[in-house]
Amino acid sequence: MDSGLVTLLVDSFPKILIPGLMVTLPLALVSFAFALVIAVVTALVQYANVPIAKQVARLYIWIVRGTPLFVQLYLVYFGLPDLGIMLDSLPTAVIVLSVNTGAYAAETMRAALESVPAGQLEAGYCVGMSYLQVIRRIVLPQALRTAFPPLSNELISLVKDTSLVASILVAEMFRAAQEIVSREWVTMPIYLEVAAVYLLFSTVLTWLQRMGERALARHGMGRG
């Protein structure tokens, strides 16, 4: 390998990694936190069979899951100004990533809620709990435990999807890699380097996911 290329890769690594740690990961985590709130509310509305709200929830899921994330970013960042609504790139990224991930996570949460045996709800009513208490103390904790693996996968996918927000000028690590490429005219090595950083982040999150699954399994055995 050419010594100049090695020097370039060594110099560019922190310029890619630092935006990854300072922007990419925080962006993914904040967006996922909002997405989780959206998902739980949307799933509970469907689980409770609230007539009009359930249809609105289904419409939201249908639209978001049926359109590309890239298009959603452009609609909000470049489309809303036509309506007089101006948003900076970072808030746009958080909003779109949250809404997009929330739609997918809502289906995961709905399936997890429906997996809780109906007998447990009846048992809660028998000891004098209200509907909200049954949901909060019995149904939701079990559903979240069941949904933990697929929700963790959603988070890992979200970290990779943050690369798309480079298209609306968010200074995350893929954007940093693009700027290095445009300046140095070295394409493949730089993009391989940013791919390796994404792989590193995904690997660490996968490892944390497995730790969480083992902890939940031990907790379940302890309760049994």
C-alpha atoms as a PDB file:
ATOM      1  CA  MET A   1       0.000   0.000   0.000  1.00  0.00           C
ATOM      2  CA  ASP A   2       1.273   3.435  -0.912  1.00  0.00           C
ATOM      3  CA  SER A   3       2.706   5.306   2.083  1.00  0.00           C
ATOM      4  CA  GLY A   4       0.768   8.436   1.151  1.00  0.00           C
ATOM      5  CA  LEU A   5      -2.476   6.486   1.226  1.00  0.00           C
ATOM      6  CA  VAL A   6      -1.612   5.021   4.620  1.00  0.00           C
ATOM      7  CA  THR A   7      -0.938   8.508   5.948  1.00  0.00           C
ATOM      8  CA  LEU A   8      -4.248   9.729   4.523  1.00  0.00           C
ATOM      9  CA  LEU A   9      -6.184   6.871   6.140  1.00  0.00           C
ATOM     10  CA  VAL A  10      -4.500   7.425   9.492  1.00  0.00           C
ATOM     11  CA  ASP A  11      -5.204  11.162   9.350  1.00  0.00           C
ATOM     12  CA  SER A  12      -8.798  10.693   8.190  1.00  0.00           C
ATOM     13  CA  PHE A  13      -9.745   8.078  10.785  1.00  0.00           C
ATOM     14  CA  PRO A  14     -10.271  10.517  13.698  1.00  0.00           C
ATOM     15  CA  LYS A  15     -12.011  12.933  11.307  1.00  0.00           C
ATOM     16  CA  ILE A  16     -14.542  10.159  10.634  1.00  0.00           C
ATOM     17  CA  LEU A  17     -14.671   8.599  14.097  1.00  0.00           C
ATOM     18  CA  ILE A  18     -15.200  11.833  16.059  1.00  0.00           C
ATOM     19  CA  PRO A  19     -18.324  12.900  14.119  1.00  0.00           C
ATOM     20  CA  GLY A  20     -19.483   9.322  14.570  1.00  0.00           C
ATOM     21  CA  LEU A  21     -19.163   9.555  18.332  1.00  0.00           C
ATOM     22  CA  MET A  22     -20.337  13.162  18.621  1.00  0.00           C
ATOM     23  CA  VAL A  23     -23.139  13.227  16.033  1.00  0.00           C
ATOM     24  CA  THR A  24     -24.019   9.829  14.530  1.00  0.00           C
ATOM     25  CA  LEU A  25     -24.461   7.873  17.766  1.00  0.00           C
ATOM     26  CA  PRO A  26     -26.212  10.680  19.723  1.00  0.00           C
ATOM     27  CA  LEU A  27     -28.492  11.297  16.741  1.00  0.00           C
ATOM     28  CA  ALA A  28     -29.399   7.613  16.593  1.00  0.00           C
ATOM     29  CA  LEU A  29     -29.964   7.330  20.351  1.00  0.00           C
ATOM     30  CA  VAL A  30     -32.087  10.473  20.637  1.00  0.00           C
ATOM     31  CA  SER A  31     -34.139   9.519  17.584  1.00  0.00           C
ATOM     32  CA  PHE A  32     -34.609   5.995  18.932  1.00  0.00           C
ATOM     33  CA  ALA A  33     -35.803   7.322  22.301  1.00  0.00           C
ATOM     34  CA  PHE A  34     -38.480   9.411  20.565  1.00  0.00           C
ATOM     35  CA  ALA A  35     -39.283   6.510  18.241  1.00  0.00           C
ATOM     36  CA  LEU A  36     -39.820   4.211  21.218  1.00  0.00           C
ATOM     37  CA  VAL A  37     -42.343   6.637  22.729  1.00  0.00           C
ATOM     38  CA  ILE A  38     -44.149   6.864  19.376  1.00  0.00           C
ATOM     39  CA  ALA A  39     -44.100   3.081  19.029  1.00  0.00           C
ATOM     40  CA  VAL A  40     -45.491   2.368  22.496  1.00  0.00           C
ATOM     41  CA  VAL A  41     -48.298   4.928  22.140  1.00  0.00           C
ATOM     42  CA  THR A  42     -49.184   3.717  18.637  1.00  0.00           C
ATOM     43  CA  ALA A  43     -49.128   0.076  19.700  1.00  0.00           C
ATOM     44  CA  LEU A  44     -51.251   0.727  22.799  1.00  0.00           C
ATOM     45  CA  VAL A  45     -53.847   2.581  20.714  1.00  0.00           C
ATOM     46  CA  GLN A  46     -54.158  -0.452  18.464  1.00  0.00           C
ATOM     47  CA  TYR A  47     -54.089  -2.886  21.369  1.00  0.00           C
ATOM     48  CA  ALA A  48     -56.926  -1.031  23.095  1.00  0.00           C
ATOM     49  CA  ASN A  49     -58.974  -0.921  19.871  1.00  0.00           C
ATOM     50  CA  VAL A  50     -59.704   2.798  20.186  1.00  0.00           C
ATOM     51  CA  PRO A  51     -61.850   3.193  17.013  1.00  0.00           C
ATOM     52  CA  ILE A  52     -60.727   6.392  15.279  1.00  0.00           C
ATOM     53  CA  ALA A  53     -57.270   6.517  16.879  1.00  0.00           C
ATOM     54  CA  LYS A  54     -56.584   2.945  15.749  1.00  0.00           C
ATOM     55  CA  GLN A  55     -57.322   3.858  12.128  1.00  0.00           C
ATOM     56  CA  VAL A  56     -55.068   6.910  12.386  1.00  0.00           C
ATOM     57  CA  ALA A  57     -52.297   4.704  13.807  1.00  0.00           C
ATOM     58  CA  ARG A  58     -52.692   2.174  10.985  1.00  0.00           C
ATOM     59  CA  LEU A  59     -52.623   4.985   8.401  1.00  0.00           C
ATOM     60  CA  TYR A  60     -49.432   6.406   9.928  1.00  0.00           C
ATOM     61  CA  ILE A  61     -47.728   2.994   9.843  1.00  0.00           C
ATOM     62  CA  TRP A  62     -48.903   2.331   6.276  1.00  0.00           C
ATOM     63  CA  ILE A  63     -47.614   5.645   4.930  1.00  0.00           C
ATOM     64  CA  VAL A  64     -44.269   5.645   6.727  1.00  0.00           C
ATOM     65  CA  ARG A  65     -43.436   2.002   6.034  1.00  0.00           C
ATOM     66  CA  GLY A  66     -44.553   2.353   2.425  1.00  0.00           C
ATOM     67  CA  THR A  67     -42.260   5.263   1.542  1.00  0.00           C
ATOM     68  CA  PRO A  68     -38.442   5.439   1.538  1.00  0.00           C
ATOM     69  CA  LEU A  69     -36.649   7.142   4.399  1.00  0.00           C
ATOM     70  CA  PHE A  70     -34.610   9.116   1.874  1.00  0.00           C
ATOM     71  CA  VAL A  71     -37.789  10.535   0.325  1.00  0.00           C
ATOM     72  CA  GLN A  72     -39.176  11.379   3.778  1.00  0.00           C
ATOM     73  CA  LEU A  73     -36.029  13.367   4.567  1.00  0.00           C
ATOM     74  CA  TYR A  74     -36.350  15.340   1.356  1.00  0.00           C
ATOM     75  CA  LEU A  75     -40.063  15.972   1.853  1.00  0.00           C
ATOM     76  CA  VAL A  76     -39.470  17.507   5.269  1.00  0.00           C
ATOM     77  CA  TYR A  77     -36.205  19.355   4.613  1.00  0.00           C
ATOM     78  CA  PHE A  78     -36.815  20.604   1.066  1.00  0.00           C
ATOM     79  CA  GLY A  79     -40.614  20.315   0.828  1.00  0.00           C
ATOM     80  CA  LEU A  80     -41.843  22.024   3.984  1.00  0.00           C
ATOM     81  CA  PRO A  81     -40.182  25.369   3.088  1.00  0.00           C
ATOM     82  CA  ASP A  82     -42.720  25.572   0.236  1.00  0.00           C
ATOM     83  CA  LEU A  83     -45.360  25.731   2.991  1.00  0.00           C
ATOM     84  CA  GLY A  84     -43.432  28.341   4.941  1.00  0.00           C
ATOM     85  CA  ILE A  85     -42.026  25.847   7.471  1.00  0.00           C
ATOM     86  CA  MET A  86     -38.235  26.043   7.798  1.00  0.00           C
ATOM     87  CA  LEU A  87     -36.322  23.460   9.819  1.00  0.00           C
ATOM     88  CA  ASP A  88     -32.580  23.117  10.337  1.00  0.00           C
ATOM     89  CA  SER A  89     -30.962  19.914   9.159  1.00  0.00           C
ATOM     90  CA  LEU A  90     -30.396  18.359  12.588  1.00  0.00           C
ATOM     91  CA  PRO A  91     -33.980  18.787  13.896  1.00  0.00           C
ATOM     92  CA  THR A  92     -35.203  17.487  10.544  1.00  0.00           C
ATOM     93  CA  ALA A  93     -33.031  14.402  10.926  1.00  0.00           C
ATOM     94  CA  VAL A  94     -34.304  13.720  14.460  1.00  0.00           C
ATOM     95  CA  ILE A  95     -37.949  14.172  13.467  1.00  0.00           C
ATOM     96  CA  VAL A  96     -37.795  12.014  10.341  1.00  0.00           C
ATOM     97  CA  LEU A  97     -35.686   9.249  11.886  1.00  0.00           C
ATOM     98  CA  SER A  98     -37.963   9.149  14.947  1.00  0.00           C
ATOM     99  CA  VAL A  99     -41.163   9.001  12.916  1.00  0.00           C
ATOM    100  CA  ASN A 100     -39.747   6.421  10.516  1.00  0.00           C
ATOM    101  CA  THR A 101     -38.322   4.112  13.160  1.00  0.00           C
ATOM    102  CA  GLY A 102     -41.418   4.589  15.324  1.00  0.00           C
ATOM    103  CA  ALA A 103     -43.620   3.101  12.604  1.00  0.00           C
ATOM    104  CA  TYR A 104     -41.538  -0.069  12.381  1.00  0.00           C
ATOM    105  CA  ALA A 105     -41.107  -0.361  16.146  1.00  0.00           C
ATOM    106  CA  ALA A 106     -44.870   0.113  16.633  1.00  0.00           C
ATOM    107  CA  GLU A 107     -45.551  -3.139  14.806  1.00  0.00           C
ATOM    108  CA  THR A 108     -42.990  -4.889  16.983  1.00  0.00           C
ATOM    109  CA  MET A 109     -44.616  -3.504  20.118  1.00  0.00           C
ATOM    110  CA  ARG A 110     -48.121  -4.396  18.926  1.00  0.00           C
ATOM    111  CA  ALA A 111     -47.103  -8.010  18.370  1.00  0.00           C
ATOM    112  CA  ALA A 112     -45.388  -8.078  21.772  1.00  0.00           C
ATOM    113  CA  LEU A 113     -48.491  -6.700  23.520  1.00  0.00           C
ATOM    114  CA  GLU A 114     -50.716  -9.254  21.833  1.00  0.00           C
ATOM    115  CA  SER A 115     -48.373 -12.057  22.935  1.00  0.00           C
ATOM    116  CA  VAL A 116     -49.214 -11.456  26.617  1.00  0.00           C
ATOM    117  CA  PRO A 117     -51.791 -14.101  27.658  1.00  0.00           C
ATOM    118  CA  ALA A 118     -55.290 -12.705  28.135  1.00  0.00           C
ATOM    119  CA  GLY A 119     -55.539 -14.568  31.433  1.00  0.00           C
ATOM    120  CA  GLN A 120     -52.996 -12.224  32.963  1.00  0.00           C
ATOM    121  CA  LEU A 121     -55.203  -9.234  32.200  1.00  0.00           C
ATOM    122  CA  GLU A 122     -58.134 -10.980  33.831  1.00  0.00           C
ATOM    123  CA  ALA A 123     -55.993 -11.812  36.855  1.00  0.00           C
ATOM    124  CA  GLY A 124     -55.107  -8.138  37.186  1.00  0.00           C
ATOM    125  CA  TYR A 125     -58.762  -7.150  37.102  1.00  0.00           C
ATOM    126  CA  CYS A 126     -59.542  -9.789  39.734  1.00  0.00           C
ATOM    127  CA  VAL A 127     -57.146  -8.213  42.238  1.00  0.00           C
ATOM    128  CA  GLY A 128     -58.758  -4.806  41.725  1.00  0.00           C
ATOM    129  CA  MET A 129     -56.445  -3.166  39.202  1.00  0.00           C
ATOM    130  CA  SER A 130     -57.783  -0.656  36.691  1.00  0.00           C
ATOM    131  CA  TYR A 131     -57.153  -1.058  32.968  1.00  0.00           C
ATOM    132  CA  LEU A 132     -54.269   1.416  33.028  1.00  0.00           C
ATOM    133  CA  GLN A 133     -52.711  -0.327  36.028  1.00  0.00           C
ATOM    134  CA  VAL A 134     -52.959  -3.699  34.282  1.00  0.00           C
ATOM    135  CA  ILE A 135     -51.261  -2.253  31.204  1.00  0.00           C
ATOM    136  CA  ARG A 136     -48.536  -0.494  33.187  1.00  0.00           C
ATOM    137  CA  ARG A 137     -47.765  -3.214  35.725  1.00  0.00           C
ATOM    138  CA  ILE A 138     -48.483  -6.443  33.863  1.00  0.00           C
ATOM    139  CA  VAL A 139     -48.777  -6.109  30.106  1.00  0.00           C
ATOM    140  CA  LEU A 140     -46.193  -3.468  29.206  1.00  0.00           C
ATOM    141  CA  PRO A 141     -43.253  -4.922  31.194  1.00  0.00           C
ATOM    142  CA  GLN A 142     -43.755  -8.341  29.599  1.00  0.00           C
ATOM    143  CA  ALA A 143     -44.222  -6.845  26.143  1.00  0.00           C
ATOM    144  CA  LEU A 144     -41.052  -4.787  26.415  1.00  0.00           C
ATOM    145  CA  ARG A 145     -39.113  -7.869  27.484  1.00  0.00           C
ATOM    146  CA  THR A 146     -40.423  -9.774  24.472  1.00  0.00           C
ATOM    147  CA  ALA A 147     -39.775  -6.854  22.116  1.00  0.00           C
ATOM    148  CA  PHE A 148     -36.222  -6.219  23.348  1.00  0.00           C
ATOM    149  CA  PRO A 149     -34.364  -8.232  20.646  1.00  0.00           C
ATOM    150  CA  PRO A 150     -36.237  -6.823  17.619  1.00  0.00           C
ATOM    151  CA  LEU A 151     -36.156  -3.303  19.072  1.00  0.00           C
ATOM    152  CA  SER A 152     -32.410  -3.647  19.529  1.00  0.00           C
ATOM    153  CA  ASN A 153     -32.171  -4.618  15.876  1.00  0.00           C
ATOM    154  CA  GLU A 154     -34.140  -1.487  15.011  1.00  0.00           C
ATOM    155  CA  LEU A 155     -31.573   0.609  16.881  1.00  0.00           C
ATOM    156  CA  ILE A 156     -28.692  -1.020  15.000  1.00  0.00           C
ATOM    157  CA  SER A 157     -30.473  -0.380  11.699  1.00  0.00           C
ATOM    158  CA  LEU A 158     -31.102   3.212  12.752  1.00  0.00           C
ATOM    159  CA  VAL A 159     -27.388   3.804  13.355  1.00  0.00           C
ATOM    160  CA  LYS A 160     -26.717   2.719   9.768  1.00  0.00           C
ATOM    161  CA  ASP A 161     -29.651   4.735   8.424  1.00  0.00           C
ATOM    162  CA  THR A 162     -28.157   7.925   9.850  1.00  0.00           C
ATOM    163  CA  SER A 163     -25.815   7.888   6.850  1.00  0.00           C
ATOM    164  CA  LEU A 164     -28.770   9.128   4.774  1.00  0.00           C
ATOM    165  CA  VAL A 165     -28.947  12.412   6.675  1.00  0.00           C
ATOM    166  CA  ALA A 166     -25.671  13.427   5.042  1.00  0.00           C
ATOM    167  CA  SER A 167     -27.913  14.290   2.082  1.00  0.00           C
ATOM    168  CA  ILE A 168     -29.441  17.161   4.097  1.00  0.00           C
ATOM    169  CA  LEU A 169     -26.023  18.364   5.270  1.00  0.00           C
ATOM    170  CA  VAL A 170     -25.980  16.934   8.802  1.00  0.00           C
ATOM    171  CA  ALA A 171     -22.332  16.789   9.833  1.00  0.00           C
ATOM    172  CA  GLU A 172     -22.293  13.108  10.837  1.00  0.00           C
ATOM    173  CA  MET A 173     -19.496  10.723   9.970  1.00  0.00           C
ATOM    174  CA  PHE A 174     -20.619   9.775   6.449  1.00  0.00           C
ATOM    175  CA  ARG A 175     -20.796  13.470   5.618  1.00  0.00           C
ATOM    176  CA  ALA A 176     -17.264  13.823   7.003  1.00  0.00           C
ATOM    177  CA  ALA A 177     -16.122  10.965   4.744  1.00  0.00           C
ATOM    178  CA  GLN A 178     -17.741  12.623   1.720  1.00  0.00           C
ATOM    179  CA  GLU A 179     -15.897  15.853   2.458  1.00  0.00           C
ATOM    180  CA  ILE A 180     -12.572  13.992   2.686  1.00  0.00           C
ATOM    181  CA  VAL A 181     -13.270  12.247  -0.629  1.00  0.00           C
ATOM    182  CA  SER A 182     -14.167  15.512  -2.361  1.00  0.00           C
ATOM    183  CA  ARG A 183     -10.990  17.118  -1.029  1.00  0.00           C
ATOM    184  CA  GLU A 184      -8.497  14.271  -1.537  1.00  0.00           C
ATOM    185  CA  TRP A 185     -10.027  12.521  -4.560  1.00  0.00           C
ATOM    186  CA  VAL A 186      -9.535   9.121  -2.895  1.00  0.00           C
ATOM    187  CA  THR A 187     -12.785   7.196  -2.964  1.00  0.00           C
ATOM    188  CA  MET A 188     -12.652   3.484  -2.214  1.00  0.00           C
ATOM    189  CA  PRO A 189     -10.247   3.536   0.761  1.00  0.00           C
ATOM    190  CA  ILE A 190     -12.132   6.351   2.535  1.00  0.00           C
ATOM    191  CA  TYR A 191     -15.538   4.750   2.038  1.00  0.00           C
ATOM    192  CA  LEU A 192     -14.135   1.412   3.199  1.00  0.00           C
ATOM    193  CA  GLU A 193     -12.829   3.193   6.289  1.00  0.00           C
ATOM    194  CA  VAL A 194     -16.236   4.732   7.112  1.00  0.00           C
ATOM    195  CA  ALA A 195     -17.861   1.336   6.468  1.00  0.00           C
ATOM    196  CA  ALA A 196     -15.449  -0.182   8.997  1.00  0.00           C
ATOM    197  CA  VAL A 197     -16.489   2.411  11.602  1.00  0.00           C
ATOM    198  CA  TYR A 198     -20.185   1.632  11.004  1.00  0.00           C
ATOM    199  CA  LEU A 199     -19.314  -2.044  11.381  1.00  0.00           C
ATOM    200  CA  LEU A 200     -17.535  -1.288  14.651  1.00  0.00           C
ATOM    201  CA  PHE A 201     -20.558   0.577  16.022  1.00  0.00           C
ATOM    202  CA  SER A 202     -22.927  -2.195  14.932  1.00  0.00           C
ATOM    203  CA  THR A 203     -20.707  -4.854  16.480  1.00  0.00           C
ATOM    204  CA  VAL A 204     -20.574  -3.060  19.838  1.00  0.00           C
ATOM    205  CA  LEU A 205     -24.357  -2.570  19.825  1.00  0.00           C
ATOM    206  CA  THR A 206     -24.884  -6.235  18.917  1.00  0.00           C
ATOM    207  CA  TRP A 207     -22.650  -7.235  21.814  1.00  0.00           C
ATOM    208  CA  LEU A 208     -24.648  -4.991  24.183  1.00  0.00           C
ATOM    209  CA  GLN A 209     -27.866  -6.480  22.812  1.00  0.00           C
ATOM    210  CA  ARG A 210     -26.699  -9.996  23.637  1.00  0.00           C
ATOM    211  CA  MET A 211     -25.714  -8.893  27.140  1.00  0.00           C
ATOM    212  CA  GLY A 212     -29.181  -7.399  27.592  1.00  0.00           C
ATOM    213  CA  GLU A 213     -30.889 -10.556  26.331  1.00  0.00           C
ATOM    214  CA  ARG A 214     -28.877 -12.708  28.739  1.00  0.00           C
ATOM    215  CA  ALA A 215     -29.714 -10.361  31.626  1.00  0.00           C
ATOM    216  CA  LEU A 216     -33.419 -10.501  30.760  1.00  0.00           C
ATOM    217  CA  ALA A 217     -33.259 -14.297  30.510  1.00  0.00           C
ATOM    218  CA  ARG A 218     -31.676 -14.556  33.957  1.00  0.00           C
ATOM    219  CA  HIS A 219     -34.272 -12.162  35.348  1.00  0.00           C
ATOM    220  CA  GLY A 220     -37.046 -14.265  33.841  1.00  0.00           C
ATOM    221  CA  MET A 221     -35.609 -17.448  35.327  1.00  0.00           C
ATOM    222  CA  GLY A 222     -35.301 -15.741  38.703  1.00  0.00           C
ATOM    223  CA  ARG A 223     -38.947 -14.730  38.622  1.00  0.00           C
ATOM    224  CA  GLY A 224     -39.884 -18.262  37.667  1.00  0.00           C
END
